[in-house]
Amino acid sequence: MAVSATQLRKDLFQTLDRALQGETIDVSYKGETILLKPKSGARLSKLVRRDTLMVNPDVIVESDRSLLGELEHKWVAQTL
């Protein structure tokens, strides 16, 4: 979205909300263009939480073989 500095001043909060939603705003001021966009960290808030297993499978095998079989069954069922 491209806006002038005057338009930015007029609609400052609405424009900032659009930037927070991930839209890059091009602000024209004195013949130059200034980009207004959220830091990359803001995109992390839009990620969808996924249930994952963050462990080495060998640890599960050593502790409980039936648990590994159950997990593998669930993984296969999710991929089908």
N, C-alpha and C. Protein backbone atom coordinates (compact mmCIF):
# COMPACT_ATOMS: atom_id res chain seq x y z
N MET A 1 0.85 -1.16 0.00
CA MET A 1 0.00 0.00 0.00
C MET A 1 0.89 1.23 0.00
N ALA A 2 0.61 2.18 -0.84
CA ALA A 2 1.38 3.42 -0.92
C ALA A 2 0.52 4.57 -0.42
N VAL A 3 1.07 5.38 0.48
CA VAL A 3 0.37 6.55 1.01
C VAL A 3 1.33 7.72 1.06
N SER A 4 0.77 8.93 1.06
CA SER A 4 1.58 10.13 1.27
C SER A 4 1.71 10.36 2.77
N ALA A 5 2.63 11.23 3.16
CA ALA A 5 2.80 11.54 4.58
C ALA A 5 1.54 12.19 5.13
N THR A 6 0.87 12.99 4.32
CA THR A 6 -0.37 13.63 4.75
C THR A 6 -1.45 12.58 5.01
N GLN A 7 -1.57 11.61 4.11
CA GLN A 7 -2.55 10.55 4.29
C GLN A 7 -2.20 9.69 5.50
N LEU A 8 -0.93 9.45 5.71
CA LEU A 8 -0.50 8.68 6.89
C LEU A 8 -0.90 9.41 8.16
N ARG A 9 -0.67 10.71 8.20
CA ARG A 9 -1.03 11.49 9.38
C ARG A 9 -2.55 11.44 9.61
N LYS A 10 -3.30 11.51 8.53
CA LYS A 10 -4.76 11.49 8.64
C LYS A 10 -5.29 10.15 9.15
N ASP A 11 -4.72 9.07 8.66
CA ASP A 11 -5.18 7.72 9.01
C ASP A 11 -4.10 6.93 9.74
N LEU A 12 -3.41 7.58 10.66
CA LEU A 12 -2.24 6.97 11.30
C LEU A 12 -2.56 5.61 11.92
N PHE A 13 -3.56 5.55 12.76
CA PHE A 13 -3.80 4.31 13.49
C PHE A 13 -4.34 3.19 12.60
N GLN A 14 -5.15 3.53 11.62
CA GLN A 14 -5.64 2.52 10.69
C GLN A 14 -4.47 1.97 9.86
N THR A 15 -3.57 2.87 9.46
CA THR A 15 -2.40 2.44 8.68
C THR A 15 -1.47 1.56 9.51
N LEU A 16 -1.28 1.94 10.77
CA LEU A 16 -0.45 1.12 11.66
C LEU A 16 -1.07 -0.26 11.87
N ASP A 17 -2.38 -0.31 11.98
CA ASP A 17 -3.05 -1.61 12.12
C ASP A 17 -2.82 -2.48 10.89
N ARG A 18 -2.86 -1.88 9.72
CA ARG A 18 -2.61 -2.64 8.49
C ARG A 18 -1.17 -3.16 8.47
N ALA A 19 -0.24 -2.33 8.93
CA ALA A 19 1.16 -2.76 8.98
C ALA A 19 1.32 -3.92 9.96
N LEU A 20 0.62 -3.85 11.08
CA LEU A 20 0.69 -4.94 12.05
C LEU A 20 0.13 -6.24 11.51
N GLN A 21 -0.78 -6.15 10.56
CA GLN A 21 -1.35 -7.34 9.93
C GLN A 21 -0.40 -7.93 8.89
N GLY A 22 0.76 -7.28 8.69
CA GLY A 22 1.76 -7.83 7.78
C GLY A 22 1.88 -7.10 6.46
N GLU A 23 1.07 -6.09 6.24
CA GLU A 23 1.11 -5.34 4.99
C GLU A 23 2.26 -4.32 5.05
N THR A 24 3.02 -4.23 3.98
CA THR A 24 4.09 -3.24 3.89
C THR A 24 3.50 -1.93 3.39
N ILE A 25 3.79 -0.85 4.10
CA ILE A 25 3.26 0.47 3.76
C ILE A 25 4.40 1.31 3.19
N ASP A 26 4.22 1.85 2.00
CA ASP A 26 5.18 2.76 1.38
C ASP A 26 4.71 4.19 1.64
N VAL A 27 5.48 4.94 2.41
CA VAL A 27 5.11 6.32 2.73
C VAL A 27 5.98 7.25 1.89
N SER A 28 5.35 8.10 1.09
CA SER A 28 6.07 9.08 0.27
C SER A 28 6.23 10.36 1.08
N TYR A 29 7.50 10.81 1.21
CA TYR A 29 7.77 12.02 1.98
C TYR A 29 8.98 12.73 1.39
N LYS A 30 8.80 13.96 0.95
CA LYS A 30 9.86 14.78 0.37
C LYS A 30 10.60 14.06 -0.75
N GLY A 31 9.85 13.40 -1.61
CA GLY A 31 10.45 12.73 -2.76
C GLY A 31 11.10 11.39 -2.46
N GLU A 32 11.05 10.94 -1.25
CA GLU A 32 11.63 9.65 -0.85
C GLU A 32 10.52 8.71 -0.41
N THR A 33 10.82 7.44 -0.42
CA THR A 33 9.86 6.44 0.03
C THR A 33 10.39 5.79 1.30
N ILE A 34 9.54 5.74 2.29
CA ILE A 34 9.88 5.12 3.58
C ILE A 34 9.00 3.90 3.73
N LEU A 35 9.62 2.76 4.02
CA LEU A 35 8.85 1.52 4.21
C LEU A 35 8.46 1.37 5.68
N LEU A 36 7.22 1.07 5.88
CA LEU A 36 6.70 0.85 7.22
C LEU A 36 6.19 -0.58 7.27
N LYS A 37 6.84 -1.40 8.09
CA LYS A 37 6.43 -2.79 8.21
C LYS A 37 6.81 -3.30 9.59
N PRO A 38 6.12 -4.32 10.08
CA PRO A 38 6.44 -4.85 11.41
C PRO A 38 7.77 -5.61 11.38
N LYS A 39 8.40 -5.70 12.54
CA LYS A 39 9.60 -6.53 12.64
C LYS A 39 9.23 -7.96 12.31
N SER A 40 10.20 -8.73 11.90
CA SER A 40 9.91 -10.11 11.50
C SER A 40 9.30 -10.92 12.64
N GLY A 41 9.57 -10.55 13.86
CA GLY A 41 9.01 -11.27 15.00
C GLY A 41 7.50 -11.18 15.07
N ALA A 42 6.92 -10.14 14.49
CA ALA A 42 5.47 -9.99 14.52
C ALA A 42 4.78 -11.12 13.76
N ARG A 43 5.44 -11.66 12.77
CA ARG A 43 4.84 -12.75 12.00
C ARG A 43 4.70 -14.01 12.84
N LEU A 44 5.54 -14.15 13.86
CA LEU A 44 5.46 -15.34 14.69
C LEU A 44 4.14 -15.44 15.43
N SER A 45 3.53 -14.30 15.73
CA SER A 45 2.26 -14.34 16.44
C SER A 45 1.14 -14.93 15.57
N LYS A 46 1.34 -15.00 14.25
CA LYS A 46 0.33 -15.53 13.35
C LYS A 46 0.48 -17.03 13.13
N LEU A 47 1.54 -17.61 13.65
CA LEU A 47 1.77 -19.04 13.43
C LEU A 47 0.73 -19.87 14.16
N VAL A 48 0.41 -21.00 13.59
CA VAL A 48 -0.54 -21.92 14.19
C VAL A 48 0.25 -22.95 15.00
N ARG A 49 -0.15 -23.15 16.23
CA ARG A 49 0.53 -24.10 17.10
C ARG A 49 0.29 -25.52 16.59
N ARG A 50 1.35 -26.29 16.49
CA ARG A 50 1.28 -27.68 16.05
C ARG A 50 1.84 -28.56 17.16
N ASP A 51 1.17 -29.67 17.40
CA ASP A 51 1.67 -30.63 18.39
C ASP A 51 2.78 -31.44 17.73
N THR A 52 3.96 -31.35 18.29
CA THR A 52 5.11 -32.09 17.76
C THR A 52 5.85 -32.76 18.89
N LEU A 53 6.64 -33.71 18.52
CA LEU A 53 7.47 -34.41 19.49
C LEU A 53 8.91 -33.97 19.28
N MET A 54 9.47 -33.28 20.25
CA MET A 54 10.83 -32.78 20.13
C MET A 54 11.77 -33.62 20.99
N VAL A 55 11.91 -34.88 20.59
CA VAL A 55 12.78 -35.78 21.34
C VAL A 55 13.35 -36.80 20.36
N ASN A 56 14.49 -37.28 20.66
CA ASN A 56 15.11 -38.33 19.85
C ASN A 56 14.29 -39.62 20.04
N PRO A 57 13.83 -40.26 18.96
CA PRO A 57 13.02 -41.48 19.10
C PRO A 57 13.75 -42.61 19.82
N ASP A 58 15.06 -42.60 19.78
CA ASP A 58 15.81 -43.64 20.49
C ASP A 58 15.56 -43.58 21.99
N VAL A 59 15.30 -42.40 22.52
CA VAL A 59 15.02 -42.26 23.94
C VAL A 59 13.70 -42.96 24.27
N ILE A 60 12.72 -42.86 23.39
CA ILE A 60 11.43 -43.51 23.63
C ILE A 60 11.58 -45.02 23.57
N VAL A 61 12.35 -45.51 22.60
CA VAL A 61 12.54 -46.95 22.45
C VAL A 61 13.17 -47.52 23.71
N GLU A 62 14.14 -46.80 24.25
CA GLU A 62 14.81 -47.29 25.45
C GLU A 62 13.87 -47.28 26.65
N SER A 63 12.93 -46.33 26.70
CA SER A 63 12.08 -46.22 27.87
C SER A 63 10.81 -47.07 27.76
N ASP A 64 10.19 -47.10 26.58
CA ASP A 64 8.93 -47.83 26.45
C ASP A 64 8.66 -48.13 24.98
N ARG A 65 8.85 -49.36 24.57
CA ARG A 65 8.65 -49.74 23.16
C ARG A 65 7.19 -49.62 22.73
N SER A 66 6.25 -49.88 23.62
CA SER A 66 4.84 -49.78 23.26
C SER A 66 4.45 -48.32 22.98
N LEU A 67 5.08 -47.40 23.67
CA LEU A 67 4.82 -45.99 23.43
C LEU A 67 5.27 -45.59 22.03
N LEU A 68 6.42 -46.07 21.60
CA LEU A 68 6.92 -45.77 20.26
C LEU A 68 5.97 -46.32 19.20
N GLY A 69 5.47 -47.54 19.40
CA GLY A 69 4.52 -48.11 18.45
C GLY A 69 3.24 -47.29 18.37
N GLU A 70 2.77 -46.82 19.50
CA GLU A 70 1.57 -45.99 19.52
C GLU A 70 1.80 -44.67 18.80
N LEU A 71 2.95 -44.06 19.02
CA LEU A 71 3.27 -42.80 18.34
C LEU A 71 3.39 -43.00 16.84
N GLU A 72 4.04 -44.07 16.41
CA GLU A 72 4.18 -44.33 14.98
C GLU A 72 2.81 -44.54 14.34
N HIS A 73 1.92 -45.22 15.04
CA HIS A 73 0.56 -45.44 14.53
C HIS A 73 -0.16 -44.10 14.34
N LYS A 74 -0.03 -43.18 15.29
CA LYS A 74 -0.66 -41.86 15.18
C LYS A 74 -0.04 -41.06 14.03
N TRP A 75 1.29 -41.14 13.85
CA TRP A 75 1.95 -40.41 12.78
C TRP A 75 1.44 -40.89 11.42
N VAL A 76 1.33 -42.21 11.27
CA VAL A 76 0.86 -42.75 10.00
C VAL A 76 -0.58 -42.35 9.75
N ALA A 77 -1.41 -42.38 10.78
CA ALA A 77 -2.82 -42.00 10.64
C ALA A 77 -2.96 -40.54 10.24
N GLN A 78 -2.09 -39.67 10.73
CA GLN A 78 -2.17 -38.25 10.39
C GLN A 78 -1.72 -37.96 8.97
N THR A 79 -0.83 -38.78 8.42
CA THR A 79 -0.32 -38.52 7.09
C THR A 79 -1.25 -39.06 6.00
N LEU A 80 -2.19 -39.90 6.36
CA LEU A 80 -3.12 -40.48 5.37
C LEU A 80 -4.27 -39.58 5.09
